[in-house]
Amino acid sequence: MGVLTMPRGAWVLTVWAMIGAGAAAAAAQAADQGSTEAVYTRARVVSVDRESGSGGKKLYVRLKLLPRAKIPFATQTFRVVDASLLAGISEGAWVRFQARRMDGENTLTAIHIADECKRFEPCD
C-alpha cells in the first residue's frame, strides 16, 4: 500500500508517529550530551530516620518542600543511599536537594545546606 493510497486516518497517525520519534530522539540526544542543567529543590529537613523493619539498614530523610514547588508545603520522604550525604545536616536545616526515582522509591542523590528562604523574598 503506497503513501498516497493510505486512508487519511492512517496517514495522520503516521505523521504524528514520525514527529514523536523525532522529539524523543532529540530529548535523548540532549540528555546524552549533558546539556541539561541540574535542578535543585529547596526544602527544610523535618527528620532523619532509620527504618526499623529492615534491621535499621535503610536511611530516610523527611523534607518539607517550599510552596514554590508543585505541591505546596508538602512533606515528602526520601531514601538516602549514601549516609555521608547527610554529614553536617541537622533537623531544621534549610537545604537544596536533588532526587530521583530508584527501585520504586524517591531517592536523594544530592543535598547541600542553603540559606533560609524568607517569606515573600526571592530565593535563588
C-alpha atoms as a PDB file:
ATOM      1  CA  MET A   1       0.000   0.000   0.000  1.00  0.00           C
ATOM      2  CA  GLY A   2       1.586   3.281  -1.098  1.00  0.00           C
ATOM      3  CA  VAL A   3       1.578   6.520   0.880  1.00  0.00           C
ATOM      4  CA  LEU A   4      -0.959   8.111  -1.461  1.00  0.00           C
ATOM      5  CA  THR A   5      -3.415   5.217  -1.149  1.00  0.00           C
ATOM      6  CA  MET A   6      -3.394   5.118   2.667  1.00  0.00           C
ATOM      7  CA  PRO A   7      -6.634   6.127   4.419  1.00  0.00           C
ATOM      8  CA  ARG A   8      -6.499   9.662   5.837  1.00  0.00           C
ATOM      9  CA  GLY A   9      -6.563   8.493   9.487  1.00  0.00           C
ATOM     10  CA  ALA A  10      -3.593   6.172   8.962  1.00  0.00           C
ATOM     11  CA  TRP A  11      -1.701   8.960   7.189  1.00  0.00           C
ATOM     12  CA  VAL A  12      -2.220  11.363  10.115  1.00  0.00           C
ATOM     13  CA  LEU A  13      -1.154   8.709  12.626  1.00  0.00           C
ATOM     14  CA  THR A  14       1.999   8.008  10.607  1.00  0.00           C
ATOM     15  CA  VAL A  15       2.927  11.707  10.565  1.00  0.00           C
ATOM     16  CA  TRP A  16       2.332  12.035  14.322  1.00  0.00           C
ATOM     17  CA  ALA A  17       4.433   8.932  14.990  1.00  0.00           C
ATOM     18  CA  MET A  18       7.314  10.399  12.975  1.00  0.00           C
ATOM     19  CA  ILE A  19       7.065  13.731  14.852  1.00  0.00           C
ATOM     20  CA  GLY A  20       7.007  11.925  18.210  1.00  0.00           C
ATOM     21  CA  ALA A  21      10.002   9.783  17.289  1.00  0.00           C
ATOM     22  CA  GLY A  22      11.946  12.891  16.262  1.00  0.00           C
ATOM     23  CA  ALA A  23      11.159  14.674  19.544  1.00  0.00           C
ATOM     24  CA  ALA A  24      12.130  11.609  21.590  1.00  0.00           C
ATOM     25  CA  ALA A  25      15.418  11.292  19.701  1.00  0.00           C
ATOM     26  CA  ALA A  26      16.201  14.987  20.265  1.00  0.00           C
ATOM     27  CA  ALA A  27      15.487  14.666  24.005  1.00  0.00           C
ATOM     28  CA  ALA A  28      17.672  11.563  24.273  1.00  0.00           C
ATOM     29  CA  GLN A  29      20.496  13.283  22.381  1.00  0.00           C
ATOM     30  CA  ALA A  30      20.314  16.338  24.684  1.00  0.00           C
ATOM     31  CA  ALA A  31      20.440  14.080  27.734  1.00  0.00           C
ATOM     32  CA  ASP A  32      23.442  12.189  26.324  1.00  0.00           C
ATOM     33  CA  GLN A  33      25.309  15.419  25.672  1.00  0.00           C
ATOM     34  CA  GLY A  34      24.749  16.549  29.259  1.00  0.00           C
ATOM     35  CA  SER A  35      23.181  19.819  28.153  1.00  0.00           C
ATOM     36  CA  THR A  36      20.582  19.699  30.905  1.00  0.00           C
ATOM     37  CA  GLU A  37      21.412  21.719  33.978  1.00  0.00           C
ATOM     38  CA  ALA A  38      20.988  20.228  37.451  1.00  0.00           C
ATOM     39  CA  VAL A  39      17.773  21.348  39.115  1.00  0.00           C
ATOM     40  CA  TYR A  40      17.720  21.746  42.872  1.00  0.00           C
ATOM     41  CA  THR A  41      14.613  21.970  45.056  1.00  0.00           C
ATOM     42  CA  ARG A  42      14.580  23.934  48.311  1.00  0.00           C
ATOM     43  CA  ALA A  43      13.260  22.353  51.484  1.00  0.00           C
ATOM     44  CA  ARG A  44      13.641  22.187  55.235  1.00  0.00           C
ATOM     45  CA  VAL A  45      14.771  18.987  56.975  1.00  0.00           C
ATOM     46  CA  VAL A  46      11.982  17.621  59.173  1.00  0.00           C
ATOM     47  CA  SER A  47      13.612  14.417  60.392  1.00  0.00           C
ATOM     48  CA  VAL A  48      16.180  11.725  59.668  1.00  0.00           C
ATOM     49  CA  ASP A  49      15.082   8.155  60.447  1.00  0.00           C
ATOM     50  CA  ARG A  50      16.327   4.603  60.064  1.00  0.00           C
ATOM     51  CA  GLU A  51      13.721   2.063  59.023  1.00  0.00           C
ATOM     52  CA  SER A  52      13.191  -0.354  61.877  1.00  0.00           C
ATOM     53  CA  GLY A  53      11.744  -3.215  59.786  1.00  0.00           C
ATOM     54  CA  SER A  54      14.880  -3.863  57.739  1.00  0.00           C
ATOM     55  CA  GLY A  55      17.316  -4.132  60.617  1.00  0.00           C
ATOM     56  CA  GLY A  56      17.951  -0.393  60.517  1.00  0.00           C
ATOM     57  CA  LYS A  57      19.754  -0.624  57.178  1.00  0.00           C
ATOM     58  CA  LYS A  58      17.625   1.875  55.238  1.00  0.00           C
ATOM     59  CA  LEU A  59      18.034   5.573  55.991  1.00  0.00           C
ATOM     60  CA  TYR A  60      15.288   8.082  55.200  1.00  0.00           C
ATOM     61  CA  VAL A  61      15.033  11.868  55.397  1.00  0.00           C
ATOM     62  CA  ARG A  62      11.753  13.786  55.547  1.00  0.00           C
ATOM     63  CA  LEU A  63      11.812  17.156  53.796  1.00  0.00           C
ATOM     64  CA  LYS A  64       9.209  19.927  53.892  1.00  0.00           C
ATOM     65  CA  LEU A  65       9.115  21.422  50.405  1.00  0.00           C
ATOM     66  CA  LEU A  66       8.716  25.151  49.832  1.00  0.00           C
ATOM     67  CA  PRO A  67       5.397  26.424  48.499  1.00  0.00           C
ATOM     68  CA  ARG A  68       7.007  27.248  45.142  1.00  0.00           C
ATOM     69  CA  ALA A  69       7.154  23.521  44.461  1.00  0.00           C
ATOM     70  CA  LYS A  70       4.267  21.856  42.649  1.00  0.00           C
ATOM     71  CA  ILE A  71       2.822  20.592  45.937  1.00  0.00           C
ATOM     72  CA  PRO A  72       2.625  23.484  48.419  1.00  0.00           C
ATOM     73  CA  PHE A  73       4.026  22.830  51.889  1.00  0.00           C
ATOM     74  CA  ALA A  74       4.225  19.094  51.274  1.00  0.00           C
ATOM     75  CA  THR A  75       6.396  16.892  53.444  1.00  0.00           C
ATOM     76  CA  GLN A  76       7.944  14.053  51.477  1.00  0.00           C
ATOM     77  CA  THR A  77      10.148  11.146  52.488  1.00  0.00           C
ATOM     78  CA  PHE A  78      13.305  10.322  50.525  1.00  0.00           C
ATOM     79  CA  ARG A  79      15.569   7.307  50.852  1.00  0.00           C
ATOM     80  CA  VAL A  80      19.246   8.088  51.455  1.00  0.00           C
ATOM     81  CA  VAL A  81      21.560   5.515  49.882  1.00  0.00           C
ATOM     82  CA  ASP A  82      24.791   7.232  50.941  1.00  0.00           C
ATOM     83  CA  ALA A  83      24.662   8.357  54.600  1.00  0.00           C
ATOM     84  CA  SER A  84      27.624  10.675  54.025  1.00  0.00           C
ATOM     85  CA  LEU A  85      25.254  12.975  52.083  1.00  0.00           C
ATOM     86  CA  LEU A  86      23.697  13.975  55.416  1.00  0.00           C
ATOM     87  CA  ALA A  87      27.017  14.781  57.140  1.00  0.00           C
ATOM     88  CA  GLY A  88      26.697  18.178  58.827  1.00  0.00           C
ATOM     89  CA  ILE A  89      22.973  18.483  58.091  1.00  0.00           C
ATOM     90  CA  SER A  90      20.726  18.554  61.150  1.00  0.00           C
ATOM     91  CA  GLU A  91      16.966  18.617  61.623  1.00  0.00           C
ATOM     92  CA  GLY A  92      15.522  22.050  60.899  1.00  0.00           C
ATOM     93  CA  ALA A  93      18.269  22.956  58.407  1.00  0.00           C
ATOM     94  CA  TRP A  94      17.400  24.623  55.096  1.00  0.00           C
ATOM     95  CA  VAL A  95      18.685  22.621  52.145  1.00  0.00           C
ATOM     96  CA  ARG A  96      18.811  22.406  48.364  1.00  0.00           C
ATOM     97  CA  PHE A  97      18.483  18.851  47.084  1.00  0.00           C
ATOM     98  CA  GLN A  98      18.158  16.609  44.044  1.00  0.00           C
ATOM     99  CA  ALA A  99      16.268  13.341  43.976  1.00  0.00           C
ATOM    100  CA  ARG A 100      15.189  10.712  41.500  1.00  0.00           C
ATOM    101  CA  ARG A 101      13.080   7.568  41.442  1.00  0.00           C
ATOM    102  CA  MET A 102      15.185   4.449  42.107  1.00  0.00           C
ATOM    103  CA  ASP A 103      13.948   0.953  42.953  1.00  0.00           C
ATOM    104  CA  GLY A 104      10.409   2.253  43.421  1.00  0.00           C
ATOM    105  CA  GLU A 105      11.392   4.894  45.996  1.00  0.00           C
ATOM    106  CA  ASN A 106      12.148   8.609  45.905  1.00  0.00           C
ATOM    107  CA  THR A 107      15.912   8.614  46.473  1.00  0.00           C
ATOM    108  CA  LEU A 108      18.104  11.546  47.476  1.00  0.00           C
ATOM    109  CA  THR A 109      21.038  11.979  45.082  1.00  0.00           C
ATOM    110  CA  ALA A 110      22.477  15.304  46.323  1.00  0.00           C
ATOM    111  CA  ILE A 111      21.832  17.649  49.240  1.00  0.00           C
ATOM    112  CA  HIS A 112      23.516  20.866  50.391  1.00  0.00           C
ATOM    113  CA  ILE A 113      22.961  23.376  53.189  1.00  0.00           C
ATOM    114  CA  ALA A 114      21.292  26.565  51.905  1.00  0.00           C
ATOM    115  CA  ASP A 115      20.374  29.957  53.300  1.00  0.00           C
ATOM    116  CA  GLU A 116      16.909  30.259  54.762  1.00  0.00           C
ATOM    117  CA  CYS A 117      14.332  31.230  52.184  1.00  0.00           C
ATOM    118  CA  LYS A 118      12.435  34.117  53.750  1.00  0.00           C
ATOM    119  CA  ARG A 119       8.770  34.574  53.099  1.00  0.00           C
ATOM    120  CA  PHE A 120       7.871  36.949  50.246  1.00  0.00           C
ATOM    121  CA  GLU A 121      11.528  37.246  49.197  1.00  0.00           C
ATOM    122  CA  PRO A 122      13.020  35.585  46.125  1.00  0.00           C
ATOM    123  CA  CYS A 123      15.176  32.522  46.642  1.00  0.00           C
ATOM    124  CA  ASP A 124      17.907  31.656  44.187  1.00  0.00           C
END
